[in-house]
């Protein structure tokens, strides 16, 4: 008598039996305070956001699950919304992924939302190939937005330690915006690229670079198709030189032309840097959230 198998697991009973499994691509929106973590990417010491997230997934699913992120963040850098994906045969309600994984995460990391994208049947394979047109947290992204929060006051605030950058010299946000305008468009950003950056090309397209003052807080908002290693912190450091009068706004344009990292300002502290949003084509319909920090 014929045996009907569920659509998610079709088994051939011939001698060369083939199992066809229904895999699901789960996409998560992750928020984290990076102050206590050594960046996103997994390390031997295990003190990274990726290590802790994958440990929570292991506890929740009883399986080893590797994750792929939209963009790696450095030690001390935060994320309002990091996007990750992984593949699994496990079937769960979308919000079950949120509640279940969060139950095993520390207070500094949280899954904010989850959705499921079908990757179809895969016969006899251990790893899902990257299908043309399929969703990928990194390669499907069209732009990234970062915020840098800078506390500009004569005295540091212990309540903001680890959450914002700080400089005590008065800054002119208008002058910094004038300098920032030189960076809009497509440029070679070698002057703002870390020496250890592994990107194949230093050319990036800067769509937005805004400098806005809110009382004692200055918010830098940068949106580009992609960013180089330390690019945001190096830009912020150089704009601070403009804001405190050490350099004129036109100096930023000169740095671009020189393409020499040694001529720009030192890399600024990571504390105030937030990965705010990763843009994707609308047809993926990801349930993404507000890209501003919750206290704004």
Protein backbone atom coordinates (compact mmCIF):
# COMPACT_ATOMS: atom_id res chain seq x y z
CA UNK A 1 0.00 0.00 0.00
CA UNK A 2 1.35 3.46 -0.95
CA UNK A 3 2.55 5.64 1.90
CA UNK A 4 1.89 9.38 1.65
CA UNK A 5 4.67 11.50 3.09
CA UNK A 6 4.32 15.12 4.26
CA UNK A 7 5.33 17.69 1.64
CA UNK A 8 8.26 18.76 3.80
CA UNK A 9 9.94 15.32 3.66
CA UNK A 10 9.41 13.16 0.55
CA UNK A 11 11.24 9.81 0.70
CA UNK A 12 11.87 7.43 -2.23
CA UNK A 13 11.80 3.74 -1.17
CA UNK A 14 14.02 2.55 -4.03
CA UNK A 15 17.53 1.27 -3.45
CA UNK A 16 18.97 4.67 -4.39
CA UNK A 17 16.67 6.47 -1.96
CA UNK A 18 16.68 10.27 -2.15
CA UNK A 19 15.37 12.54 0.57
CA UNK A 20 13.94 15.89 -0.47
CA UNK A 21 13.72 18.32 2.43
CA UNK A 22 11.84 21.56 2.68
CA UNK A 23 14.23 24.20 3.99
CA UNK A 24 13.23 27.56 5.33
CA UNK A 25 15.31 30.71 5.30
CA UNK A 26 14.69 32.49 8.59
CA UNK A 27 15.52 36.20 8.73
CA UNK A 28 15.95 37.96 12.08
CA UNK A 29 16.23 41.61 13.09
CA UNK A 30 18.77 41.81 15.92
CA UNK A 31 19.34 44.73 18.26
CA UNK A 32 22.33 44.87 20.59
CA UNK A 33 24.38 46.99 22.92
CA UNK A 34 27.92 46.31 21.71
CA UNK A 35 29.70 47.79 24.73
CA UNK A 36 30.29 44.39 26.37
CA UNK A 37 31.01 42.44 23.16
CA UNK A 38 34.08 42.07 20.97
CA UNK A 39 32.24 42.94 17.79
CA UNK A 40 29.89 40.84 15.67
CA UNK A 41 32.05 38.21 14.02
CA UNK A 42 32.70 34.91 15.79
CA UNK A 43 36.03 34.57 17.62
CA UNK A 44 37.78 31.78 19.52
CA UNK A 45 37.07 33.44 22.84
CA UNK A 46 33.33 33.40 22.08
CA UNK A 47 32.78 36.97 23.31
CA UNK A 48 31.02 38.24 20.19
CA UNK A 49 27.40 38.91 19.30
CA UNK A 50 27.42 36.20 16.64
CA UNK A 51 28.79 33.64 19.10
CA UNK A 52 26.12 34.49 21.66
CA UNK A 53 23.30 34.49 19.11
CA UNK A 54 24.33 31.11 17.69
CA UNK A 55 24.62 29.69 21.22
CA UNK A 56 21.03 30.84 21.88
CA UNK A 57 19.86 29.28 18.61
CA UNK A 58 21.57 26.04 19.63
CA UNK A 59 19.79 26.04 22.98
CA UNK A 60 16.44 26.79 21.38
CA UNK A 61 16.62 24.33 18.48
CA UNK A 62 19.06 21.68 19.81
CA UNK A 63 20.92 22.10 16.52
CA UNK A 64 24.10 23.89 15.41
CA UNK A 65 22.99 26.82 13.24
CA UNK A 66 25.35 29.23 11.52
CA UNK A 67 24.19 32.77 10.80
CA UNK A 68 25.01 35.28 8.05
CA UNK A 69 24.78 39.00 8.81
CA UNK A 70 24.22 42.12 6.73
CA UNK A 71 27.43 43.74 7.92
CA UNK A 72 29.98 43.06 10.65
CA UNK A 73 30.30 45.59 13.46
CA UNK A 74 33.46 46.24 15.48
CA UNK A 75 34.06 45.92 19.20
CA UNK A 76 31.94 48.40 21.14
CA UNK A 77 29.66 49.22 18.19
CA UNK A 78 25.89 48.89 18.63
CA UNK A 79 23.05 47.86 16.32
CA UNK A 80 19.52 49.18 16.25
CA UNK A 81 18.77 46.61 13.57
CA UNK A 82 21.31 44.08 12.37
CA UNK A 83 19.80 41.65 9.84
CA UNK A 84 20.81 37.99 9.81
CA UNK A 85 19.61 34.86 8.06
CA UNK A 86 20.01 31.12 8.48
CA UNK A 87 18.50 27.99 6.94
CA UNK A 88 16.64 25.30 8.84
CA UNK A 89 14.09 22.53 8.39
CA UNK A 90 12.49 23.47 11.70
CA UNK A 91 8.97 24.85 11.45
CA UNK A 92 8.08 27.52 13.98
CA UNK A 93 5.64 30.41 14.17
CA UNK A 94 7.45 33.65 13.36
CA UNK A 95 7.06 35.11 16.81
CA UNK A 96 8.16 31.80 18.34
CA UNK A 97 11.61 32.52 16.94
CA UNK A 98 11.54 35.87 18.72
CA UNK A 99 10.36 34.58 22.09
CA UNK A 100 12.31 31.33 21.94
CA UNK A 101 15.71 32.73 21.03
CA UNK A 102 15.37 35.73 23.35
CA UNK A 103 14.83 33.34 26.26
CA UNK A 104 18.48 32.30 25.89
CA UNK A 105 20.02 35.71 25.11
CA UNK A 106 21.57 38.17 27.60
CA UNK A 107 19.93 41.52 28.26
CA UNK A 108 22.30 43.27 25.83
CA UNK A 109 21.08 41.31 22.76
CA UNK A 110 17.51 40.81 21.51
CA UNK A 111 15.71 39.44 18.48
CA UNK A 112 13.21 42.17 17.57
CA UNK A 113 11.44 40.43 14.69
CA UNK A 114 11.54 37.30 12.54
CA UNK A 115 10.19 36.26 9.16
CA UNK A 116 10.42 33.19 6.96
CA UNK A 117 11.39 33.01 3.29
CA UNK A 118 11.04 29.76 1.37
CA UNK A 119 14.21 28.35 -0.23
CA UNK A 120 12.45 25.34 -1.76
CA UNK A 121 13.28 21.63 -1.92
CA UNK A 122 16.86 20.49 -1.73
CA UNK A 123 17.64 16.86 -2.49
CA UNK A 124 20.63 15.22 -0.82
CA UNK A 125 22.47 18.44 0.02
CA UNK A 126 23.83 19.53 3.35
CA UNK A 127 24.06 23.24 2.53
CA UNK A 128 21.64 25.50 0.71
CA UNK A 129 23.29 27.05 -2.35
CA UNK A 130 22.96 30.76 -2.99
CA UNK A 131 20.17 30.74 -5.56
CA UNK A 132 19.97 33.53 -8.09
CA UNK A 133 17.41 35.99 -6.84
CA UNK A 134 17.22 34.39 -3.38
CA UNK A 135 17.36 36.50 -0.23
CA UNK A 136 20.76 36.96 1.38
CA UNK A 137 21.28 39.20 4.41
CA UNK A 138 24.47 40.67 2.99
CA UNK A 139 24.27 40.40 -0.80
CA UNK A 140 20.59 41.39 -1.12
CA UNK A 141 21.18 44.66 0.76
CA UNK A 142 21.07 47.84 -1.30
CA UNK A 143 22.22 50.32 1.36
CA UNK A 144 23.25 50.66 4.99
CA UNK A 145 22.53 53.49 7.41
CA UNK A 146 24.65 54.31 10.45
CA UNK A 147 24.15 56.88 13.18
CA UNK A 148 26.96 58.29 15.26
CA UNK A 149 25.84 59.97 18.51
CA UNK A 150 28.29 62.53 19.87
CA UNK A 151 27.87 64.22 23.25
CA UNK A 152 29.34 67.72 22.96
CA UNK A 153 29.64 69.13 26.47
CA UNK A 154 32.43 70.45 28.65
CA UNK A 155 31.94 67.58 31.12
CA UNK A 156 31.39 63.90 30.29
CA UNK A 157 28.18 62.19 31.39
CA UNK A 158 28.53 58.86 33.25
CA UNK A 159 24.95 58.02 32.22
CA UNK A 160 25.99 58.02 28.56
CA UNK A 161 29.23 56.06 28.92
CA UNK A 162 29.48 53.40 26.23
CA UNK A 163 26.41 54.72 24.41
CA UNK A 164 27.76 57.90 22.80
CA UNK A 165 31.03 59.47 21.79
CA UNK A 166 32.20 62.56 23.67
CA UNK A 167 34.26 65.64 22.94
CA UNK A 168 34.52 68.63 25.27
CA UNK A 169 35.56 71.31 22.77
CA UNK A 170 32.59 73.25 21.33
CA UNK A 171 31.64 72.11 17.82
CA UNK A 172 30.00 74.04 15.01
CA UNK A 173 27.51 71.67 13.39
CA UNK A 174 27.00 74.02 10.44
CA UNK A 175 30.69 73.88 9.54
CA UNK A 176 30.69 70.09 9.93
CA UNK A 177 27.74 69.82 7.55
CA UNK A 178 29.62 71.93 5.02
CA UNK A 179 32.53 69.52 5.27
CA UNK A 180 30.23 66.50 5.10
CA UNK A 181 28.76 67.71 1.81
CA UNK A 182 32.09 67.01 0.07
CA UNK A 183 31.57 63.30 0.77
CA UNK A 184 28.22 62.95 -1.01
CA UNK A 185 28.18 60.90 -4.18
CA UNK A 186 30.57 58.27 -5.54
CA UNK A 187 34.16 58.60 -4.34
CA UNK A 188 37.32 56.72 -3.54
CA UNK A 189 37.22 56.73 0.28
CA UNK A 190 40.80 55.55 0.82
CA UNK A 191 41.43 58.52 3.15
CA UNK A 192 38.81 57.10 5.54
CA UNK A 193 39.65 53.42 5.19
CA UNK A 194 41.36 51.37 7.91
CA UNK A 195 44.76 49.95 7.01
CA UNK A 196 43.47 46.43 7.69
CA UNK A 197 40.36 46.88 5.51
CA UNK A 198 39.87 43.86 3.25
CA UNK A 199 37.41 45.37 0.77
CA UNK A 200 38.43 44.88 -2.86
CA UNK A 201 37.62 48.48 -3.79
CA UNK A 202 37.64 51.73 -1.78
CA UNK A 203 34.93 53.24 -4.00
CA UNK A 204 31.58 53.76 -2.30
CA UNK A 205 28.44 55.81 -2.99
CA UNK A 206 27.45 58.10 -0.11
CA UNK A 207 23.72 58.81 -0.43
CA UNK A 208 23.20 60.79 2.78
CA UNK A 209 25.48 62.47 5.30
CA UNK A 210 23.67 64.71 7.77
CA UNK A 211 25.03 66.48 10.84
CA UNK A 212 22.27 67.62 13.21
CA UNK A 213 22.51 69.13 16.68
CA UNK A 214 19.94 68.29 19.37
CA UNK A 215 20.98 70.33 22.39
CA UNK A 216 24.28 68.85 23.60
CA UNK A 217 23.94 65.85 21.26
CA UNK A 218 25.17 65.86 17.67
CA UNK A 219 23.82 63.10 15.45
CA UNK A 220 25.68 62.07 12.31
CA UNK A 221 23.56 60.04 9.87
CA UNK A 222 25.38 58.29 7.04
CA UNK A 223 23.76 56.19 4.32
CA UNK A 224 25.79 54.48 1.61
CA UNK A 225 25.64 51.42 -0.62
CA UNK A 226 28.33 49.91 1.63
CA UNK A 227 31.00 51.03 4.10
CA UNK A 228 34.71 50.35 4.46
CA UNK A 229 36.31 49.20 7.70
CA UNK A 230 36.26 52.09 10.22
CA UNK A 231 34.92 54.41 7.50
CA UNK A 232 32.23 56.03 9.66
CA UNK A 233 34.48 56.57 12.68
CA UNK A 234 37.23 58.00 10.48
CA UNK A 235 34.79 60.42 8.83
CA UNK A 236 33.41 61.51 12.21
CA UNK A 237 36.91 62.10 13.54
CA UNK A 238 37.78 64.33 10.59
CA UNK A 239 34.50 66.25 10.78
CA UNK A 240 35.23 66.95 14.45
CA UNK A 241 38.48 68.63 13.33
CA UNK A 242 36.31 70.86 11.14
CA UNK A 243 33.75 71.51 13.87
CA UNK A 244 36.31 72.64 16.45
CA UNK A 245 38.03 74.97 14.00
CA UNK A 246 41.19 72.95 13.57
CA UNK A 247 40.51 72.55 9.83
CA UNK A 248 38.21 74.34 7.32
CA UNK A 249 35.33 72.45 5.64
CA UNK A 250 37.25 72.32 2.33
CA UNK A 251 39.85 70.11 4.06
CA UNK A 252 37.42 67.17 3.77
CA UNK A 253 37.44 67.55 -0.03
CA UNK A 254 41.24 67.68 0.02
CA UNK A 255 41.38 64.42 1.99
CA UNK A 256 39.19 62.73 -0.61
CA UNK A 257 41.48 63.90 -3.40
CA UNK A 258 44.68 62.88 -1.59
CA UNK A 259 43.37 59.35 -0.85
CA UNK A 260 45.86 59.11 2.00
CA UNK A 261 44.63 57.76 5.32
CA UNK A 262 47.60 59.25 7.20
CA UNK A 263 46.45 62.80 6.35
CA UNK A 264 43.01 62.43 7.98
CA UNK A 265 42.09 62.58 11.67
CA UNK A 266 42.56 59.56 13.96
CA UNK A 267 39.82 56.94 14.17
CA UNK A 268 37.21 58.17 16.65
CA UNK A 269 35.90 56.07 19.54
CA UNK A 270 33.34 53.30 18.76
CA UNK A 271 30.95 54.10 21.63
CA UNK A 272 28.49 56.25 19.69
CA UNK A 273 28.28 54.18 16.51
CA UNK A 274 25.01 52.40 15.66
CA UNK A 275 24.16 50.23 12.66
CA UNK A 276 20.69 51.68 12.20
CA UNK A 277 19.14 50.09 9.13
CA UNK A 278 19.89 47.83 6.19
CA UNK A 279 17.83 48.49 3.06
CA UNK A 280 16.45 45.68 0.90
CA UNK A 281 14.20 45.57 -2.18
CA UNK A 282 10.57 46.09 -1.15
CA UNK A 283 9.39 42.72 -2.45
CA UNK A 284 11.07 40.94 0.49
CA UNK A 285 8.64 42.80 2.80
CA UNK A 286 10.83 42.52 5.89
CA UNK A 287 9.11 43.82 9.06
CA UNK A 288 11.82 46.38 9.75
CA UNK A 289 11.60 49.00 12.48
CA UNK A 290 12.32 52.69 13.00
CA UNK A 291 15.95 53.47 12.21
CA UNK A 292 16.37 56.09 14.97
CA UNK A 293 17.54 55.34 18.52
CA UNK A 294 14.53 54.81 20.83
CA UNK A 295 15.25 57.95 22.86
CA UNK A 296 14.90 60.21 19.79
